[in-house]
Amino acid sequence: MKKIFIKTAFLGLMTAGLTASCSKDLDIHSIDPQSEATYDDMSLLAKAYATLGLTGQQGPAGKGDISSDEGESGFYRTTFNLQTLPTDECNWAWQTDTDIPQITGISWNKSSKRTMWCYQRLGFDITLFNTYLKNTEGKGGDYKYYRAEVRFLRALHYWYFLDLWGKAPFKDETNSMADLPVEKGGKDLYQWIDAELTALESEMAPTGSFCTANDYGRADKGAALLLHARLALNSEVYTNGQIKDYQKAVTLTNELISSGAYQLASTPKNGYSGYAQLFMADNDENTVAMKETILPIRQDGLSTRCYSGANYLVSSTRIAGMPYAGTKNCWSCNYARPDLIKKFFPSGNIPMATDDGFAGTTEAEIIAHDAEKGVDTKSVLAAAGDDRALFYAGFGGGIRKLSTDKLNNFLDGVSVVKFQNIRTDGGATHDVEFPDMDIPLLRYAEAFLTRAEAQYRLGNTAAALADVNVIRTRANATPLTTLSEQDLIDEWSREFYLEGRRRSDLNRFDMFTGGKYVWAWKGGVPAGQTVDSHFNLYPIPADDINNNPNMTQNPGY
């Protein structure tokens, strides 16, 4: 089987390098099926994977895939923004950026640029996938696996459409380029994704095949099982109560967990917890991290440079002067809302620096003073009693606040240091601006919390509690003795904060809109306020409504 490398040794290539495991190297060239008449199947397969982590044909900017701000156009950044920025997890300090007040305050409309950017990216990627599937129809051998992987990527993108918009402009490989997409949504789209995942699971490489160095970054059956379980867990939301597939979610996660193919990262290394190792620069070499990561988005400081992937996560959460920044490009953008900090410190008593006249400027001075005052990340972790509390509120970059009555200052909240361009072995990274950290898009921990929530909704509280405590034990957090709905939604946040899923989880608990749960700046006011339920779904972009008569607008827009 040919290996597909998303990280390439050649800076400036389209997106990916491809080599054959036992035969000659394959040629690589830029590929855009919408503008090129001919192309190589394996190059297009590489592009299908690389589009998860890159934004165009050149990198970090220039020759973008879609005609918008290229840095804002990537798959991960666009989906992350719609799933995370409106929630209780973080604020974006640059409130003058396009549509940021509307996104962070849940007040967008049908002309929102940020919803359009995500909609365009998902649609562009699906065009790639359909083109590949049409081009390889009837091919045998290893194409069985390649085609199943691309079908999986397409199902993943249609899942994002279903989750974010409740519908999709739908096309598959049987349609021609000239065909306008048709609207498929709700129960119909749910059942299509459900059937597609069921069919392709038997075509994919066995569960766990790619969570080792061999072909790391490709999707095998384990990825399909986890996405399928995620779909089933959200079935009641997606079908407006017509389908409740909680038992299916249990069955799928049972199969995934019982396979023994994956392990939760729990072995410390050089002072880093297993959890911390999942988000570090060598997480594609570290077997502890790789055994939990079911599907990563491959990133590399030399060959996958962009502003929408790991660089977005690392740079946006740093300010100049912070120790262990791992990058020279500190954007000073994303900082924690107080509600996220209170998931670990219910009383808000996180160790924080106060103005004591300290005037140190070197990194060594800041590190020493943070440790002396007990406000470094190590002190935060100890105070939280939870390996996942990867926050910084020390002296580096300035004195921070827990909460604020304004949003336009990075120091208006605690800093999140979950994502690192630092290696566990202390070695040098490829670059000091663009990170090496792969993004764990799908990881094994989700299987336990999915099964826990499904069991809870089926009335099996003891089984649910056991699974939640598997996750808490890995984090060296005190096990729970009872379990409530609030415990479940809080555990989802503690485990997966800033991993691009919070809005989806809150929606499932009926907490994203309405007044059941109000957090700081919900609805655009400091104390938060009730938000109308039509914001549970994003609007179909006005341009698509105007250009495609098959699409209808979501209610409320």
Protein backbone atom coordinates (compact mmCIF):
# COMPACT_ATOMS: atom_id res chain seq x y z
CA MET A 1 0.00 0.00 0.00
CA LYS A 2 1.39 3.40 -0.97
CA LYS A 3 2.12 5.72 1.93
CA ILE A 4 0.48 9.13 1.92
CA PHE A 5 2.57 11.78 3.61
CA ILE A 6 0.90 15.06 4.43
CA LYS A 7 4.17 16.35 5.84
CA THR A 8 6.60 16.75 2.95
CA ALA A 9 10.28 17.53 2.96
CA PHE A 10 9.88 20.04 0.16
CA LEU A 11 8.84 23.56 1.11
CA GLY A 12 6.64 25.23 -1.49
CA LEU A 13 4.91 22.16 -2.87
CA MET A 14 1.12 22.21 -3.12
CA THR A 15 0.21 20.53 0.10
CA ALA A 16 1.68 17.10 0.42
CA GLY A 17 4.38 14.66 -0.51
CA LEU A 18 3.62 11.16 -1.70
CA THR A 19 6.02 8.27 -1.75
CA ALA A 20 5.58 4.61 -2.47
CA SER A 21 6.57 2.28 0.33
CA CYS A 22 8.30 -0.22 -1.95
CA SER A 23 8.59 1.49 -5.30
CA LYS A 24 9.69 4.67 -7.03
CA ASP A 25 8.66 8.13 -5.80
CA LEU A 26 5.55 9.64 -7.32
CA ASP A 27 5.49 13.05 -8.95
CA ILE A 28 3.79 15.85 -7.02
CA HIS A 29 2.13 18.92 -8.49
CA SER A 30 -0.51 21.45 -7.55
CA ILE A 31 -4.01 20.15 -8.13
CA ASP A 32 -7.31 21.91 -8.40
CA PRO A 33 -9.90 19.72 -10.12
CA GLN A 34 -12.10 22.72 -10.80
CA SER A 35 -9.47 24.34 -13.04
CA GLU A 36 -7.20 21.54 -14.27
CA ALA A 37 -8.24 19.14 -16.97
CA THR A 38 -5.86 16.36 -15.95
CA TYR A 39 -4.27 15.30 -12.69
CA ASP A 40 -2.82 12.30 -10.93
CA ASP A 41 -5.09 10.23 -8.66
CA MET A 42 -2.53 10.01 -5.87
CA SER A 43 -1.89 13.76 -5.94
CA LEU A 44 -5.61 14.37 -5.61
CA LEU A 45 -5.76 11.84 -2.75
CA ALA A 46 -3.00 13.77 -0.99
CA LYS A 47 -4.89 17.00 -1.60
CA ALA A 48 -8.02 15.43 -0.07
CA TYR A 49 -6.15 14.88 3.18
CA ALA A 50 -4.05 18.03 3.06
CA THR A 51 -7.09 20.29 2.71
CA LEU A 52 -7.82 19.52 6.38
CA GLY A 53 -4.70 21.44 7.37
CA LEU A 54 -3.82 23.79 4.53
CA THR A 55 -5.51 26.60 2.67
CA GLY A 56 -4.14 26.70 -0.85
CA GLN A 57 -1.54 25.75 -3.42
CA GLN A 58 1.44 27.64 -2.00
CA GLY A 59 1.43 28.32 1.74
CA PRO A 60 1.35 30.10 4.05
CA ALA A 61 -0.55 32.46 1.76
CA GLY A 62 -1.00 32.88 -1.98
CA LYS A 63 -2.96 30.79 -4.46
CA GLY A 64 -5.70 30.10 -1.94
CA ASP A 65 -8.31 27.43 -2.55
CA ILE A 66 -11.21 29.84 -2.17
CA SER A 67 -11.54 33.55 -2.83
CA SER A 68 -11.56 35.01 0.66
CA ASP A 69 -8.93 35.94 3.23
CA GLU A 70 -6.80 32.81 2.88
CA GLY A 71 -5.71 32.77 6.50
CA GLU A 72 -9.37 32.67 7.53
CA SER A 73 -10.39 30.05 4.97
CA GLY A 74 -8.99 26.79 6.31
CA PHE A 75 -11.07 23.79 7.31
CA TYR A 76 -9.95 23.76 10.93
CA ARG A 77 -10.02 27.49 11.59
CA THR A 78 -13.45 28.02 10.04
CA THR A 79 -15.07 25.09 11.84
CA PHE A 80 -13.29 25.95 15.10
CA ASN A 81 -14.54 29.54 14.97
CA LEU A 82 -18.17 28.54 14.52
CA GLN A 83 -18.00 25.80 17.14
CA THR A 84 -15.94 27.58 19.79
CA LEU A 85 -15.93 31.39 19.63
CA PRO A 86 -19.66 31.81 20.47
CA THR A 87 -19.41 29.55 23.53
CA ASP A 88 -18.33 29.66 27.16
CA GLU A 89 -14.77 28.59 26.35
CA CYS A 90 -12.94 31.58 24.90
CA ASN A 91 -13.14 35.15 23.67
CA TRP A 92 -11.42 36.72 20.65
CA ALA A 93 -9.71 39.96 21.64
CA TRP A 94 -9.66 41.56 18.19
CA GLN A 95 -13.25 42.75 18.23
CA THR A 96 -12.69 44.91 15.15
CA ASP A 97 -12.13 41.82 12.96
CA THR A 98 -14.84 40.96 10.45
CA ASP A 99 -17.98 39.61 12.16
CA ILE A 100 -16.15 38.83 15.40
CA PRO A 101 -18.58 40.77 17.67
CA GLN A 102 -21.48 38.96 16.01
CA ILE A 103 -19.85 35.52 16.34
CA THR A 104 -18.62 35.95 19.92
CA GLY A 105 -21.92 37.54 20.97
CA ILE A 106 -24.25 35.16 19.05
CA SER A 107 -25.85 37.84 16.91
CA TRP A 108 -24.91 36.89 13.35
CA ASN A 109 -27.20 37.19 10.34
CA LYS A 110 -27.50 35.72 6.84
CA SER A 111 -24.76 38.05 5.55
CA SER A 112 -22.15 36.80 8.03
CA LYS A 113 -18.75 36.46 6.36
CA ARG A 114 -17.49 33.88 8.85
CA THR A 115 -20.39 31.52 8.31
CA MET A 116 -19.88 31.92 4.56
CA TRP A 117 -16.15 31.12 4.80
CA CYS A 118 -16.88 27.84 6.57
CA TYR A 119 -19.71 26.96 4.18
CA GLN A 120 -17.42 27.61 1.20
CA ARG A 121 -14.56 25.54 2.63
CA LEU A 122 -16.74 22.53 3.31
CA GLY A 123 -18.28 22.78 -0.15
CA PHE A 124 -14.89 23.13 -1.87
CA ASP A 125 -13.52 20.09 -0.04
CA ILE A 126 -16.55 17.99 -0.96
CA THR A 127 -15.92 18.92 -4.60
CA LEU A 128 -12.41 17.48 -4.24
CA PHE A 129 -13.73 14.30 -2.68
CA ASN A 130 -16.41 13.79 -5.32
CA THR A 131 -13.90 14.41 -8.10
CA TYR A 132 -11.55 11.81 -6.67
CA LEU A 133 -14.34 9.25 -6.30
CA LYS A 134 -15.56 9.81 -9.85
CA ASN A 135 -12.03 9.60 -11.22
CA THR A 136 -11.22 6.31 -9.46
CA GLU A 137 -14.49 4.45 -9.93
CA GLY A 138 -13.89 0.79 -10.78
CA LYS A 139 -10.21 0.78 -9.82
CA GLY A 140 -9.11 -2.18 -7.72
CA GLY A 141 -6.27 -3.06 -5.38
CA ASP A 142 -5.46 -0.45 -2.77
CA TYR A 143 -8.05 1.91 -4.26
CA LYS A 144 -10.55 0.03 -2.09
CA TYR A 145 -8.94 1.71 0.92
CA TYR A 146 -8.30 5.05 -0.71
CA ARG A 147 -11.87 5.41 -1.91
CA ALA A 148 -13.26 4.43 1.50
CA GLU A 149 -11.03 7.02 3.17
CA VAL A 150 -12.23 9.77 0.83
CA ARG A 151 -15.82 8.72 1.40
CA PHE A 152 -15.13 9.03 5.11
CA LEU A 153 -13.72 12.54 4.66
CA ARG A 154 -16.81 13.46 2.67
CA ALA A 155 -19.09 12.06 5.41
CA LEU A 156 -17.12 14.08 7.97
CA HIS A 157 -17.71 17.26 5.99
CA TYR A 158 -21.41 16.50 5.59
CA TRP A 159 -21.51 15.94 9.36
CA TYR A 160 -20.21 19.50 9.82
CA PHE A 161 -22.90 20.78 7.47
CA LEU A 162 -25.56 18.88 9.42
CA ASP A 163 -24.26 20.04 12.78
CA LEU A 164 -23.74 23.70 11.88
CA TRP A 165 -26.58 24.33 9.42
CA GLY A 166 -28.93 21.37 9.86
CA LYS A 167 -28.72 20.81 6.10
CA ALA A 168 -26.24 20.71 3.24
CA PRO A 169 -25.98 21.64 -0.43
CA PHE A 170 -25.68 18.00 -1.41
CA LYS A 171 -23.83 16.41 -4.32
CA ASP A 172 -21.99 13.12 -4.70
CA GLU A 173 -19.75 11.61 -7.34
CA THR A 174 -22.70 10.75 -9.58
CA ASN A 175 -23.42 14.43 -10.21
CA SER A 176 -21.73 16.47 -12.91
CA MET A 177 -19.94 19.75 -12.24
CA ALA A 178 -22.86 21.54 -13.88
CA ASP A 179 -25.46 20.13 -11.49
CA LEU A 180 -26.58 22.49 -8.76
CA PRO A 181 -26.47 20.92 -5.29
CA VAL A 182 -29.80 19.87 -3.86
CA GLU A 183 -30.87 20.57 -0.30
CA LYS A 184 -30.57 17.59 2.02
CA GLY A 185 -31.09 18.09 5.71
CA GLY A 186 -32.48 16.86 9.01
CA LYS A 187 -33.51 13.23 9.06
CA ASP A 188 -32.65 12.72 5.37
CA LEU A 189 -29.05 13.90 5.73
CA TYR A 190 -28.69 12.09 9.05
CA GLN A 191 -29.77 8.82 7.46
CA TRP A 192 -27.51 9.36 4.45
CA ILE A 193 -24.43 9.86 6.66
CA ASP A 194 -25.50 6.92 8.85
CA ALA A 195 -25.84 4.62 5.83
CA GLU A 196 -22.64 5.89 4.23
CA LEU A 197 -20.57 5.26 7.36
CA THR A 198 -22.12 1.82 7.79
CA ALA A 199 -21.23 0.90 4.21
CA LEU A 200 -17.68 2.19 4.17
CA GLU A 201 -16.58 0.82 7.55
CA SER A 202 -16.07 -2.64 6.04
CA GLU A 203 -13.99 -1.10 3.22
CA MET A 204 -11.51 0.74 5.42
CA ALA A 205 -8.25 -0.50 6.87
CA PRO A 206 -8.76 -2.33 10.19
CA THR A 207 -9.32 -0.30 13.36
CA GLY A 208 -6.07 1.14 14.67
CA SER A 209 -4.04 0.51 11.53
CA PHE A 210 -2.86 4.10 11.27
CA CYS A 211 -2.28 5.22 14.87
CA THR A 212 1.36 4.19 14.55
CA ALA A 213 4.19 5.54 12.40
CA ASN A 214 2.96 3.53 9.43
CA ASP A 215 0.69 5.82 7.38
CA TYR A 216 -0.01 8.04 10.39
CA GLY A 217 -2.60 10.64 9.48
CA ARG A 218 -4.86 8.42 7.40
CA ALA A 219 -8.38 7.37 8.37
CA ASP A 220 -9.06 3.72 9.18
CA LYS A 221 -12.17 1.98 10.48
CA GLY A 222 -11.62 3.43 13.95
CA ALA A 223 -12.15 6.96 12.62
CA ALA A 224 -15.39 5.88 10.93
CA LEU A 225 -16.66 4.19 14.10
CA LEU A 226 -15.98 7.29 16.19
CA LEU A 227 -17.60 9.68 13.74
CA HIS A 228 -20.57 7.31 13.47
CA ALA A 229 -20.92 7.24 17.26
CA ARG A 230 -20.77 11.04 17.34
CA LEU A 231 -23.52 11.19 14.74
CA ALA A 232 -25.69 8.76 16.70
CA LEU A 233 -25.18 10.65 19.97
CA ASN A 234 -26.54 13.78 18.29
CA SER A 235 -29.38 11.97 16.52
CA GLU A 236 -32.19 13.55 18.52
CA VAL A 237 -30.92 17.05 17.71
CA TYR A 238 -30.27 16.36 14.04
CA THR A 239 -33.65 14.72 13.35
CA ASN A 240 -35.75 17.00 15.56
CA GLY A 241 -36.53 14.11 17.89
CA GLN A 242 -37.55 11.66 15.14
CA ILE A 243 -34.58 9.35 15.82
CA LYS A 244 -32.89 8.60 19.13
CA ASP A 245 -29.90 6.40 18.32
CA TYR A 246 -28.32 6.32 21.78
CA GLN A 247 -28.09 2.53 21.79
CA LYS A 248 -26.30 2.69 18.44
CA ALA A 249 -23.79 5.10 19.99
CA VAL A 250 -23.18 2.55 22.75
CA THR A 251 -22.76 -0.30 20.27
CA LEU A 252 -20.31 1.63 18.10
CA THR A 253 -18.18 2.81 21.02
CA ASN A 254 -18.25 -0.71 22.50
CA GLU A 255 -16.72 -1.99 19.26
CA LEU A 256 -14.12 0.76 19.21
CA ILE A 257 -13.09 0.33 22.84
CA SER A 258 -13.12 -3.48 22.82
CA SER A 259 -10.84 -3.52 19.76
CA GLY A 260 -7.91 -2.67 22.03
CA ALA A 261 -6.39 -0.68 19.18
CA TYR A 262 -6.10 2.59 21.11
CA GLN A 263 -4.94 3.75 24.53
CA LEU A 264 -5.54 6.91 26.51
CA ALA A 265 -2.33 8.92 26.83
CA SER A 266 -1.51 8.54 30.51
CA THR A 267 2.25 7.94 30.85
CA PRO A 268 4.18 11.05 31.95
CA LYS A 269 7.30 12.06 30.07
CA ASN A 270 9.89 14.64 31.11
CA GLY A 271 7.42 16.42 33.36
CA TYR A 272 4.57 16.43 30.83
CA SER A 273 1.38 14.52 31.60
CA GLY A 274 -0.05 12.09 29.09
CA TYR A 275 -2.80 14.61 28.35
CA ALA A 276 -0.33 17.43 27.69
CA GLN A 277 1.66 15.23 25.29
CA LEU A 278 -1.37 14.99 22.99
CA PHE A 279 -0.91 18.64 22.00
CA MET A 280 2.88 19.01 21.67
CA ALA A 281 5.19 19.41 18.71
CA ASP A 282 6.35 15.79 18.59
CA ASN A 283 2.90 14.23 18.99
CA ASP A 284 3.43 12.46 15.65
CA GLU A 285 6.56 10.71 16.98
CA ASN A 286 5.50 10.09 20.57
CA THR A 287 3.77 6.69 20.79
CA VAL A 288 1.90 7.77 23.95
CA ALA A 289 0.14 10.51 21.98
CA MET A 290 -0.19 8.51 18.76
CA LYS A 291 -2.05 5.62 20.42
CA GLU A 292 -4.83 7.99 21.49
CA THR A 293 -5.02 10.00 18.27
CA ILE A 294 -7.44 8.25 15.93
CA LEU A 295 -7.16 10.90 13.20
CA PRO A 296 -4.79 13.88 13.28
CA ILE A 297 -4.55 16.85 10.97
CA ARG A 298 -0.90 16.68 9.95
CA GLN A 299 1.11 19.85 10.54
CA ASP A 300 4.76 20.70 10.08
CA GLY A 301 6.66 23.95 10.62
CA LEU A 302 8.42 23.67 7.27
CA SER A 303 6.11 22.01 4.81
CA THR A 304 2.55 22.75 5.91
CA ARG A 305 2.66 26.45 6.67
CA CYS A 306 -0.65 28.23 6.99
CA TYR A 307 -2.59 30.49 9.34
CA SER A 308 -5.57 28.21 9.80
CA GLY A 309 -4.24 25.09 11.52
CA ALA A 310 -1.87 24.50 14.41
CA ASN A 311 -0.44 27.96 13.91
CA TYR A 312 -3.87 29.38 14.67
CA LEU A 313 -4.15 27.41 17.91
CA VAL A 314 -0.65 28.19 19.17
CA SER A 315 -0.22 31.79 18.01
CA SER A 316 -3.71 33.02 18.88
CA THR A 317 -3.32 31.92 22.51
CA ARG A 318 0.04 33.63 23.12
CA ILE A 319 1.15 37.18 23.87
CA ALA A 320 4.71 38.46 23.63
CA GLY A 321 6.46 37.97 26.96
CA MET A 322 4.78 34.69 27.87
CA PRO A 323 7.28 31.97 28.78
CA TYR A 324 7.47 28.80 26.72
CA ALA A 325 5.58 30.46 23.87
CA GLY A 326 7.12 28.14 21.28
CA THR A 327 6.56 30.74 18.57
CA LYS A 328 7.76 34.21 17.71
CA ASN A 329 4.34 35.01 16.26
CA CYS A 330 2.17 35.85 19.28
CA TRP A 331 -1.17 37.12 18.01
CA SER A 332 -2.74 37.90 21.42
CA CYS A 333 -6.25 36.84 20.38
CA ASN A 334 -7.93 33.87 22.09
CA TYR A 335 -8.20 33.86 25.88
CA ALA A 336 -10.37 31.90 28.29
CA ARG A 337 -13.81 33.06 29.33
CA PRO A 338 -14.20 32.83 33.13
CA ASP A 339 -16.73 30.02 32.74
CA LEU A 340 -14.06 27.73 31.31
CA ILE A 341 -11.72 28.44 34.22
CA LYS A 342 -14.56 27.71 36.64
CA LYS A 343 -14.89 24.19 35.21
CA PHE A 344 -11.61 23.54 37.05
CA PHE A 345 -11.85 26.23 39.76
CA PRO A 346 -15.55 26.56 40.68
CA SER A 347 -14.85 29.49 43.01
CA GLY A 348 -12.61 31.19 40.48
CA ASN A 349 -9.58 30.79 42.75
CA ILE A 350 -7.04 29.96 40.04
CA PRO A 351 -3.47 31.01 40.98
CA MET A 352 -2.98 34.39 39.29
CA ALA A 353 -0.24 37.02 39.29
CA THR A 354 -0.97 40.39 40.84
CA ASP A 355 0.86 43.64 40.33
CA ASP A 356 3.75 43.43 42.81
CA GLY A 357 6.17 45.70 40.97
CA PHE A 358 8.01 42.89 39.25
CA ALA A 359 10.00 44.33 36.34
CA GLY A 360 11.74 41.29 34.92
CA THR A 361 11.86 41.04 31.16
CA THR A 362 13.80 37.91 30.24
CA GLU A 363 12.08 34.58 29.94
CA ALA A 364 14.27 33.11 32.68
CA GLU A 365 13.35 35.94 35.06
CA ILE A 366 9.63 35.50 34.36
CA ILE A 367 9.80 31.73 34.80
CA ALA A 368 11.62 32.12 38.13
CA HIS A 369 9.23 34.79 39.44
CA ASP A 370 6.15 32.80 38.38
CA ALA A 371 7.46 29.78 40.27
CA GLU A 372 8.37 31.86 43.33
CA LYS A 373 4.86 33.35 43.49
CA GLY A 374 3.13 30.05 42.68
CA VAL A 375 1.40 31.32 39.54
CA ASP A 376 3.06 29.23 36.84
CA THR A 377 1.19 26.53 34.94
CA LYS A 378 2.64 23.84 37.19
CA SER A 379 1.05 25.60 40.18
CA VAL A 380 -2.28 25.90 38.31
CA LEU A 381 -2.25 22.16 37.57
CA ALA A 382 -1.50 21.32 41.19
CA ALA A 383 -4.24 23.62 42.48
CA ALA A 384 -6.78 22.20 40.04
CA GLY A 385 -5.91 18.60 40.80
CA ASP A 386 -6.45 17.88 37.11
CA ASP A 387 -3.82 17.38 34.39
CA ARG A 388 -6.09 19.10 31.88
CA ALA A 389 -5.99 22.55 33.52
CA LEU A 390 -3.37 23.86 31.08
CA PHE A 391 -3.69 27.57 31.81
CA TYR A 392 -1.28 30.40 32.46
CA ALA A 393 -1.97 33.45 34.63
CA GLY A 394 1.57 34.43 35.54
CA PHE A 395 3.54 37.62 34.94
CA GLY A 396 4.56 36.99 31.34
CA GLY A 397 2.98 39.47 28.94
CA GLY A 398 1.14 41.38 31.67
CA ILE A 399 -1.23 40.93 34.59
CA ARG A 400 -4.41 39.06 33.65
CA LYS A 401 -7.99 39.15 34.90
CA LEU A 402 -10.39 36.29 35.48
CA SER A 403 -13.31 38.22 33.98
CA THR A 404 -13.86 41.59 32.37
CA ASP A 405 -16.43 44.15 31.33
CA LYS A 406 -14.75 44.56 27.94
CA LEU A 407 -13.46 42.14 25.32
CA ASN A 408 -10.72 43.83 23.34
CA ASN A 409 -7.68 43.04 25.49
CA PHE A 410 -5.93 39.67 25.55
CA LEU A 411 -5.19 40.17 29.25
CA ASP A 412 -8.94 40.33 30.01
CA GLY A 413 -8.80 36.60 30.69
CA VAL A 414 -6.56 33.69 31.62
CA SER A 415 -4.32 32.29 28.87
CA VAL A 416 -4.82 28.79 27.49
CA VAL A 417 -1.51 26.92 26.98
CA LYS A 418 -2.94 23.57 25.93
CA PHE A 419 -1.39 23.72 22.45
CA GLN A 420 2.40 23.79 22.28
CA ASN A 421 5.11 24.09 19.66
CA ILE A 422 7.46 22.45 22.15
CA ARG A 423 8.79 18.89 22.02
CA THR A 424 8.60 16.53 24.98
CA ASP A 425 12.28 15.67 24.50
CA GLY A 426 13.36 19.31 24.58
CA GLY A 427 14.64 19.18 21.02
CA ALA A 428 14.34 21.89 18.41
CA THR A 429 11.20 22.26 16.33
CA HIS A 430 11.31 22.83 12.59
CA ASP A 431 10.36 26.49 12.90
CA VAL A 432 9.77 29.15 15.56
CA GLU A 433 6.69 30.58 13.88
CA PHE A 434 4.81 27.70 12.25
CA PRO A 435 4.24 24.78 14.65
CA ASP A 436 4.98 21.10 14.23
CA MET A 437 2.04 20.08 16.45
CA ASP A 438 -0.46 17.85 14.69
CA ILE A 439 -4.08 18.66 15.53
CA PRO A 440 -5.86 15.65 17.14
CA LEU A 441 -9.11 15.91 15.18
CA LEU A 442 -10.49 12.60 16.47
CA ARG A 443 -9.14 11.01 19.61
CA TYR A 444 -9.95 7.99 21.71
CA ALA A 445 -11.16 9.89 24.80
CA GLU A 446 -14.28 10.86 22.86
CA ALA A 447 -15.36 7.21 22.74
CA PHE A 448 -15.61 7.03 26.55
CA LEU A 449 -17.54 10.28 26.97
CA THR A 450 -19.81 9.41 24.04
CA ARG A 451 -20.60 6.05 25.58
CA ALA A 452 -21.04 7.65 29.00
CA GLU A 453 -23.54 10.20 27.74
CA ALA A 454 -25.44 7.64 25.64
CA GLN A 455 -25.70 5.30 28.63
CA TYR A 456 -26.85 8.17 30.82
CA ARG A 457 -29.60 9.07 28.34
CA LEU A 458 -30.64 5.40 28.31
CA GLY A 459 -30.91 5.42 32.12
CA ASN A 460 -27.74 3.41 32.78
CA THR A 461 -26.15 5.87 35.19
CA ALA A 462 -23.69 3.43 36.79
CA ALA A 463 -22.20 2.51 33.42
CA ALA A 464 -22.03 6.18 32.46
CA LEU A 465 -20.27 7.08 35.70
CA ALA A 466 -17.67 4.37 35.15
CA ASP A 467 -16.76 5.77 31.73
CA VAL A 468 -16.54 9.35 32.98
CA ASN A 469 -14.19 8.18 35.71
CA VAL A 470 -11.95 6.45 33.16
CA ILE A 471 -11.39 9.89 31.65
CA ARG A 472 -10.97 11.59 35.03
CA THR A 473 -8.53 8.93 36.24
CA ARG A 474 -6.34 9.50 33.20
CA ALA A 475 -6.27 13.20 34.15
CA ASN A 476 -5.39 12.37 37.78
CA ALA A 477 -8.63 14.07 38.80
CA THR A 478 -10.74 12.82 41.72
CA PRO A 479 -13.35 10.31 40.49
CA LEU A 480 -16.98 11.34 40.71
CA THR A 481 -19.30 9.41 43.02
CA THR A 482 -22.53 10.59 41.40
CA LEU A 483 -23.36 11.78 37.90
CA SER A 484 -25.71 14.48 36.67
CA GLU A 485 -26.40 16.12 33.33
CA GLN A 486 -24.32 19.08 34.49
CA ASP A 487 -21.43 16.78 35.37
CA LEU A 488 -21.53 15.35 31.84
CA ILE A 489 -21.52 18.65 29.96
CA ASP A 490 -18.80 19.98 32.26
CA GLU A 491 -16.67 16.90 31.66
CA TRP A 492 -16.99 17.36 27.91
CA SER A 493 -15.58 20.86 28.39
CA ARG A 494 -12.76 19.84 30.72
CA GLU A 495 -11.60 17.14 28.32
CA PHE A 496 -12.10 18.87 24.96
CA TYR A 497 -11.95 22.64 25.53
CA LEU A 498 -10.76 24.57 22.48
CA GLU A 499 -10.87 21.46 20.30
CA GLY A 500 -13.60 22.83 18.08
CA ARG A 501 -16.74 21.09 19.35
CA ARG A 502 -18.23 23.03 22.29
CA ARG A 503 -21.23 24.54 20.48
CA SER A 504 -22.27 21.08 19.30
CA ASP A 505 -22.10 19.67 22.84
CA LEU A 506 -24.02 22.60 24.33
CA ASN A 507 -26.69 22.23 21.65
CA ARG A 508 -27.19 18.60 22.57
CA PHE A 509 -27.85 19.60 26.19
CA ASP A 510 -30.15 22.46 25.11
CA MET A 511 -27.71 24.93 26.66
CA PHE A 512 -26.35 26.87 23.69
CA THR A 513 -29.34 29.19 23.25
CA GLY A 514 -32.13 30.00 25.68
CA GLY A 515 -31.61 30.63 29.36
CA LYS A 516 -30.87 27.17 30.74
CA TYR A 517 -27.18 28.08 30.86
CA VAL A 518 -25.91 31.66 30.67
CA TRP A 519 -22.20 32.46 30.58
CA ALA A 520 -20.11 35.62 30.43
CA TRP A 521 -20.74 37.56 27.23
CA LYS A 522 -23.39 35.17 25.95
CA GLY A 523 -25.56 37.43 23.80
CA GLY A 524 -22.89 40.14 23.82
CA VAL A 525 -23.28 41.49 27.38
CA PRO A 526 -20.80 41.01 30.26
CA ALA A 527 -23.11 38.97 32.51
CA GLY A 528 -24.61 37.04 29.60
CA GLN A 529 -28.23 36.81 28.57
CA THR A 530 -30.81 34.53 26.99
CA VAL A 531 -30.36 34.01 23.24
CA ASP A 532 -33.11 33.11 20.77
CA SER A 533 -33.27 29.46 19.70
CA HIS A 534 -32.92 30.20 15.98
CA PHE A 535 -29.19 30.67 16.65
CA ASN A 536 -28.89 26.92 17.24
CA LEU A 537 -28.28 26.75 13.49
CA TYR A 538 -26.26 29.07 11.31
CA PRO A 539 -27.85 30.85 8.34
CA ILE A 540 -27.36 29.59 4.81
CA PRO A 541 -25.16 32.31 3.26
CA ALA A 542 -27.18 34.85 1.33
CA ASP A 543 -25.00 34.36 -1.75
CA ASP A 544 -25.83 30.66 -1.86
CA ILE A 545 -29.54 31.33 -1.49
CA ASN A 546 -29.34 33.80 -4.38
CA ASN A 547 -27.29 31.50 -6.62
CA ASN A 548 -28.90 28.15 -5.88
CA PRO A 549 -32.72 27.98 -5.98
CA ASN A 550 -32.55 24.51 -4.42
CA MET A 551 -31.46 25.92 -1.06
CA THR A 552 -33.85 27.41 1.50
CA GLN A 553 -32.98 29.64 4.43
CA ASN A 554 -33.03 28.42 8.02
CA PRO A 555 -35.80 29.83 10.26
CA GLY A 556 -35.14 33.17 11.89
CA TYR A 557 -32.91 34.58 9.17
